Amino acid sequence: MSDAPPIIIVAEPDPILSNVLRVQFSEQDFAVLMATNARDAEDYAAQAVAHLVVLDVGLLRVAGYEACARIRHRDGYGSRPIVLTSGTISERTQAAAETAGATALLAKPYSVSDLFAAITPYVPLGDPLLTHRPRRAGVAQEWTAGPLPAPRAGCDSALTRNGLLLPIVRSAGAGVPLLRLKRKT
């Protein structure tokens, strides 16, 4: 088993749901790349082959279906699970997800366990996505995958802009300092 945690790309415009997913995946010690739009998700997918991609179908600027199809055709994503999520599931959304090459289509709200239940039949048994176990140590550990590949010509990539891939820090949790408010007298 590799020391590097499996990478998960999550493109979710809803800040509450994206934070819940980020926390749940981080607790399980996955390297999570959060995107608020399809373009950033595609930029992440172009620079690192993720073990799992989760896209909302109603992403801003580019529909999640189109982003799913483009990511599916990238090198390394032929058999990787790509999950589309939607507020409502209908025959039309199921057909569009199938056409885009999605592994599964989930209705919102969903949990991480729902997500893994949907993809498990499509992931090989030895895949790091399923075999990865979280590390629990007293101190944070830093993971680096080495230098990032050079961005495409003229591309200001989301990874470069946000610096979300390197370094990724894993820990059992971090304390948040309390702010002390001064009272007016």
Protein backbone atom coordinates (compact mmCIF):
# COMPACT_ATOMS: atom_id res chain seq x y z
CA MET A 1 0.00 0.00 0.00
CA SER A 2 1.33 3.42 -0.95
CA ASP A 3 1.92 6.18 1.60
CA ALA A 4 0.19 8.70 -0.64
CA PRO A 5 -3.51 9.01 0.11
CA PRO A 6 -6.03 8.50 -2.68
CA ILE A 7 -7.01 11.76 -4.38
CA ILE A 8 -10.67 12.74 -4.59
CA ILE A 9 -11.93 15.67 -6.65
CA VAL A 10 -15.20 17.15 -5.42
CA ALA A 11 -16.97 19.84 -7.45
CA GLU A 12 -19.89 21.03 -5.37
CA PRO A 13 -21.20 24.60 -5.51
CA ASP A 14 -23.25 24.24 -2.30
CA PRO A 15 -20.90 25.45 0.46
CA ILE A 16 -22.58 23.44 3.21
CA LEU A 17 -22.49 20.14 1.34
CA SER A 18 -18.95 20.74 0.08
CA ASN A 19 -17.72 21.43 3.61
CA VAL A 20 -19.43 18.31 4.94
CA LEU A 21 -17.81 16.19 2.21
CA ARG A 22 -14.42 17.81 2.74
CA VAL A 23 -14.53 17.09 6.47
CA GLN A 24 -15.75 13.51 6.04
CA PHE A 25 -13.16 12.66 3.39
CA SER A 26 -10.38 14.38 5.37
CA GLU A 27 -11.30 12.40 8.48
CA GLN A 28 -10.79 9.26 6.41
CA ASP A 29 -7.39 10.63 5.37
CA PHE A 30 -8.10 11.18 1.67
CA ALA A 31 -6.45 14.00 -0.27
CA VAL A 32 -9.44 16.15 -1.23
CA LEU A 33 -9.37 18.75 -3.99
CA MET A 34 -12.41 21.00 -3.66
CA ALA A 35 -13.76 22.82 -6.71
CA THR A 36 -16.71 25.19 -6.89
CA ASN A 37 -17.08 24.92 -10.65
CA ALA A 38 -16.51 22.46 -13.47
CA ARG A 39 -13.51 24.29 -14.92
CA ASP A 40 -11.54 23.91 -11.69
CA ALA A 41 -12.54 20.23 -11.48
CA GLU A 42 -11.30 19.69 -15.03
CA ASP A 43 -8.04 21.52 -14.23
CA TYR A 44 -7.50 19.27 -11.21
CA ALA A 45 -8.23 16.19 -13.35
CA ALA A 46 -5.75 17.39 -15.98
CA GLN A 47 -2.92 17.63 -13.45
CA ALA A 48 -3.52 14.63 -11.20
CA VAL A 49 -5.34 11.37 -11.90
CA ALA A 50 -7.83 11.21 -9.06
CA HIS A 51 -9.13 7.97 -7.62
CA LEU A 52 -12.66 9.42 -7.50
CA VAL A 53 -14.40 12.44 -9.05
CA VAL A 54 -17.71 13.80 -7.72
CA LEU A 55 -19.47 16.44 -9.87
CA ASP A 56 -22.72 18.30 -9.37
CA VAL A 57 -24.76 18.29 -12.59
CA GLY A 58 -25.72 21.94 -12.24
CA LEU A 59 -22.22 23.37 -11.89
CA LEU A 60 -21.80 26.98 -12.88
CA ARG A 61 -20.55 27.89 -16.38
CA VAL A 62 -20.26 24.31 -17.64
CA ALA A 63 -22.79 21.61 -16.97
CA GLY A 64 -21.57 18.71 -14.85
CA TYR A 65 -22.49 16.32 -17.67
CA GLU A 66 -20.08 18.04 -20.06
CA ALA A 67 -17.32 18.12 -17.46
CA CYS A 68 -17.90 14.42 -16.73
CA ALA A 69 -17.58 13.54 -20.43
CA ARG A 70 -14.37 15.54 -20.82
CA ILE A 71 -12.79 14.07 -17.68
CA ARG A 72 -13.85 10.54 -18.71
CA HIS A 73 -11.91 10.95 -21.99
CA ARG A 74 -8.71 12.05 -20.22
CA ASP A 75 -5.81 9.61 -19.87
CA GLY A 76 -6.14 7.58 -16.68
CA TYR A 77 -9.88 8.13 -16.20
CA GLY A 78 -11.21 5.32 -18.38
CA SER A 79 -12.00 3.11 -15.40
CA ARG A 80 -11.97 5.64 -12.55
CA PRO A 81 -15.31 6.27 -10.84
CA ILE A 82 -16.95 9.56 -11.73
CA VAL A 83 -20.13 10.26 -9.78
CA LEU A 84 -22.67 12.87 -10.78
CA THR A 85 -25.00 14.33 -8.17
CA SER A 86 -28.33 16.07 -8.67
CA GLY A 87 -31.14 17.52 -6.60
CA THR A 88 -33.63 15.40 -8.54
CA ILE A 89 -33.23 12.11 -10.36
CA SER A 90 -35.37 11.39 -13.40
CA GLU A 91 -35.14 9.23 -16.51
CA ARG A 92 -33.74 12.26 -18.32
CA THR A 93 -30.95 12.87 -15.78
CA GLN A 94 -30.11 9.15 -15.69
CA ALA A 95 -29.85 9.02 -19.47
CA ALA A 96 -27.68 12.17 -19.56
CA ALA A 97 -25.39 10.75 -16.85
CA GLU A 98 -25.02 7.49 -18.76
CA THR A 99 -24.25 9.36 -21.99
CA ALA A 100 -21.62 11.47 -20.18
CA GLY A 101 -19.88 8.33 -18.92
CA ALA A 102 -20.75 8.66 -15.23
CA THR A 103 -20.24 5.63 -13.03
CA ALA A 104 -23.21 6.57 -10.85
CA LEU A 105 -25.83 9.26 -10.34
CA LEU A 106 -26.75 10.16 -6.76
CA ALA A 107 -29.60 12.26 -5.44
CA LYS A 108 -28.79 15.03 -2.98
CA PRO A 109 -28.40 14.98 -0.07
CA TYR A 110 -26.11 11.98 0.16
CA SER A 111 -23.46 10.74 2.56
CA VAL A 112 -19.96 9.43 1.99
CA SER A 113 -21.25 5.93 2.75
CA ASP A 114 -23.93 6.36 0.02
CA LEU A 115 -21.19 7.47 -2.36
CA PHE A 116 -19.00 4.45 -1.64
CA ALA A 117 -21.98 2.08 -1.84
CA ALA A 118 -22.72 3.43 -5.33
CA ILE A 119 -19.17 3.00 -6.66
CA THR A 120 -17.99 -0.17 -4.90
CA PRO A 121 -19.36 -2.55 -7.58
CA TYR A 122 -17.34 -0.67 -10.22
CA VAL A 123 -14.01 -0.41 -8.37
CA PRO A 124 -11.51 -3.31 -8.38
CA LEU A 125 -11.08 -4.94 -4.97
CA GLY A 126 -7.43 -3.93 -4.56
CA ASP A 127 -7.97 -0.29 -5.53
CA PRO A 128 -6.48 2.18 -3.01
CA LEU A 129 -9.82 3.95 -2.88
CA LEU A 130 -11.27 0.92 -1.08
CA THR A 131 -8.18 -0.39 0.73
CA HIS A 132 -6.90 2.92 2.10
CA ARG A 133 -7.01 3.18 5.88
CA PRO A 134 -6.70 6.48 7.73
CA ARG A 135 -3.60 7.15 9.75
CA ARG A 136 -4.12 8.46 13.21
CA ALA A 137 -1.03 10.03 14.68
CA GLY A 138 -0.46 12.61 17.36
CA VAL A 139 1.18 15.03 14.96
CA ALA A 140 0.22 16.13 11.49
CA GLN A 141 1.94 14.42 8.61
CA GLU A 142 2.64 16.12 5.33
CA TRP A 143 2.32 14.34 2.00
CA THR A 144 3.97 15.57 -1.14
CA ALA A 145 3.72 13.91 -4.50
CA GLY A 146 6.67 15.71 -6.01
CA PRO A 147 6.57 18.59 -8.46
CA LEU A 148 3.36 19.31 -10.30
CA PRO A 149 3.36 18.81 -14.05
CA ALA A 150 3.81 21.97 -16.04
CA PRO A 151 0.48 23.66 -16.73
CA ARG A 152 -0.83 23.74 -20.26
CA ALA A 153 0.43 26.61 -22.36
CA GLY A 154 -1.26 29.82 -21.29
CA CYS A 155 -3.22 28.02 -18.58
CA ASP A 156 -3.59 29.44 -15.12
CA SER A 157 -4.59 26.16 -13.51
CA ALA A 158 -6.75 25.85 -10.43
CA LEU A 159 -4.00 23.83 -8.71
CA THR A 160 -1.47 26.56 -9.32
CA ARG A 161 -3.90 29.31 -8.36
CA ASN A 162 -5.16 27.70 -5.19
CA GLY A 163 -2.18 25.56 -4.21
CA LEU A 164 -4.53 22.82 -3.08
CA LEU A 165 -2.55 19.73 -4.08
CA LEU A 166 0.75 20.47 -2.39
CA PRO A 167 1.22 20.36 0.51
CA ILE A 168 -1.68 18.35 1.83
CA VAL A 169 -1.56 18.01 5.58
CA ARG A 170 -3.15 15.07 7.31
CA SER A 171 -3.85 15.02 11.01
CA ALA A 172 -6.31 13.86 13.61
CA GLY A 173 -7.60 17.41 13.85
CA ALA A 174 -6.44 20.89 14.59
CA GLY A 175 -7.56 23.26 17.27
CA VAL A 176 -9.00 26.58 16.27
CA PRO A 177 -7.85 29.45 18.48
CA LEU A 178 -10.66 31.29 20.17
CA LEU A 179 -11.00 34.98 19.48
CA ARG A 180 -11.20 37.11 22.55
CA LEU A 181 -13.55 40.01 22.15
CA LYS A 182 -12.81 43.23 23.93
CA ARG A 183 -15.77 44.68 25.71
CA LYS A 184 -16.46 48.35 25.43
CA THR A 185 -16.53 50.00 28.78
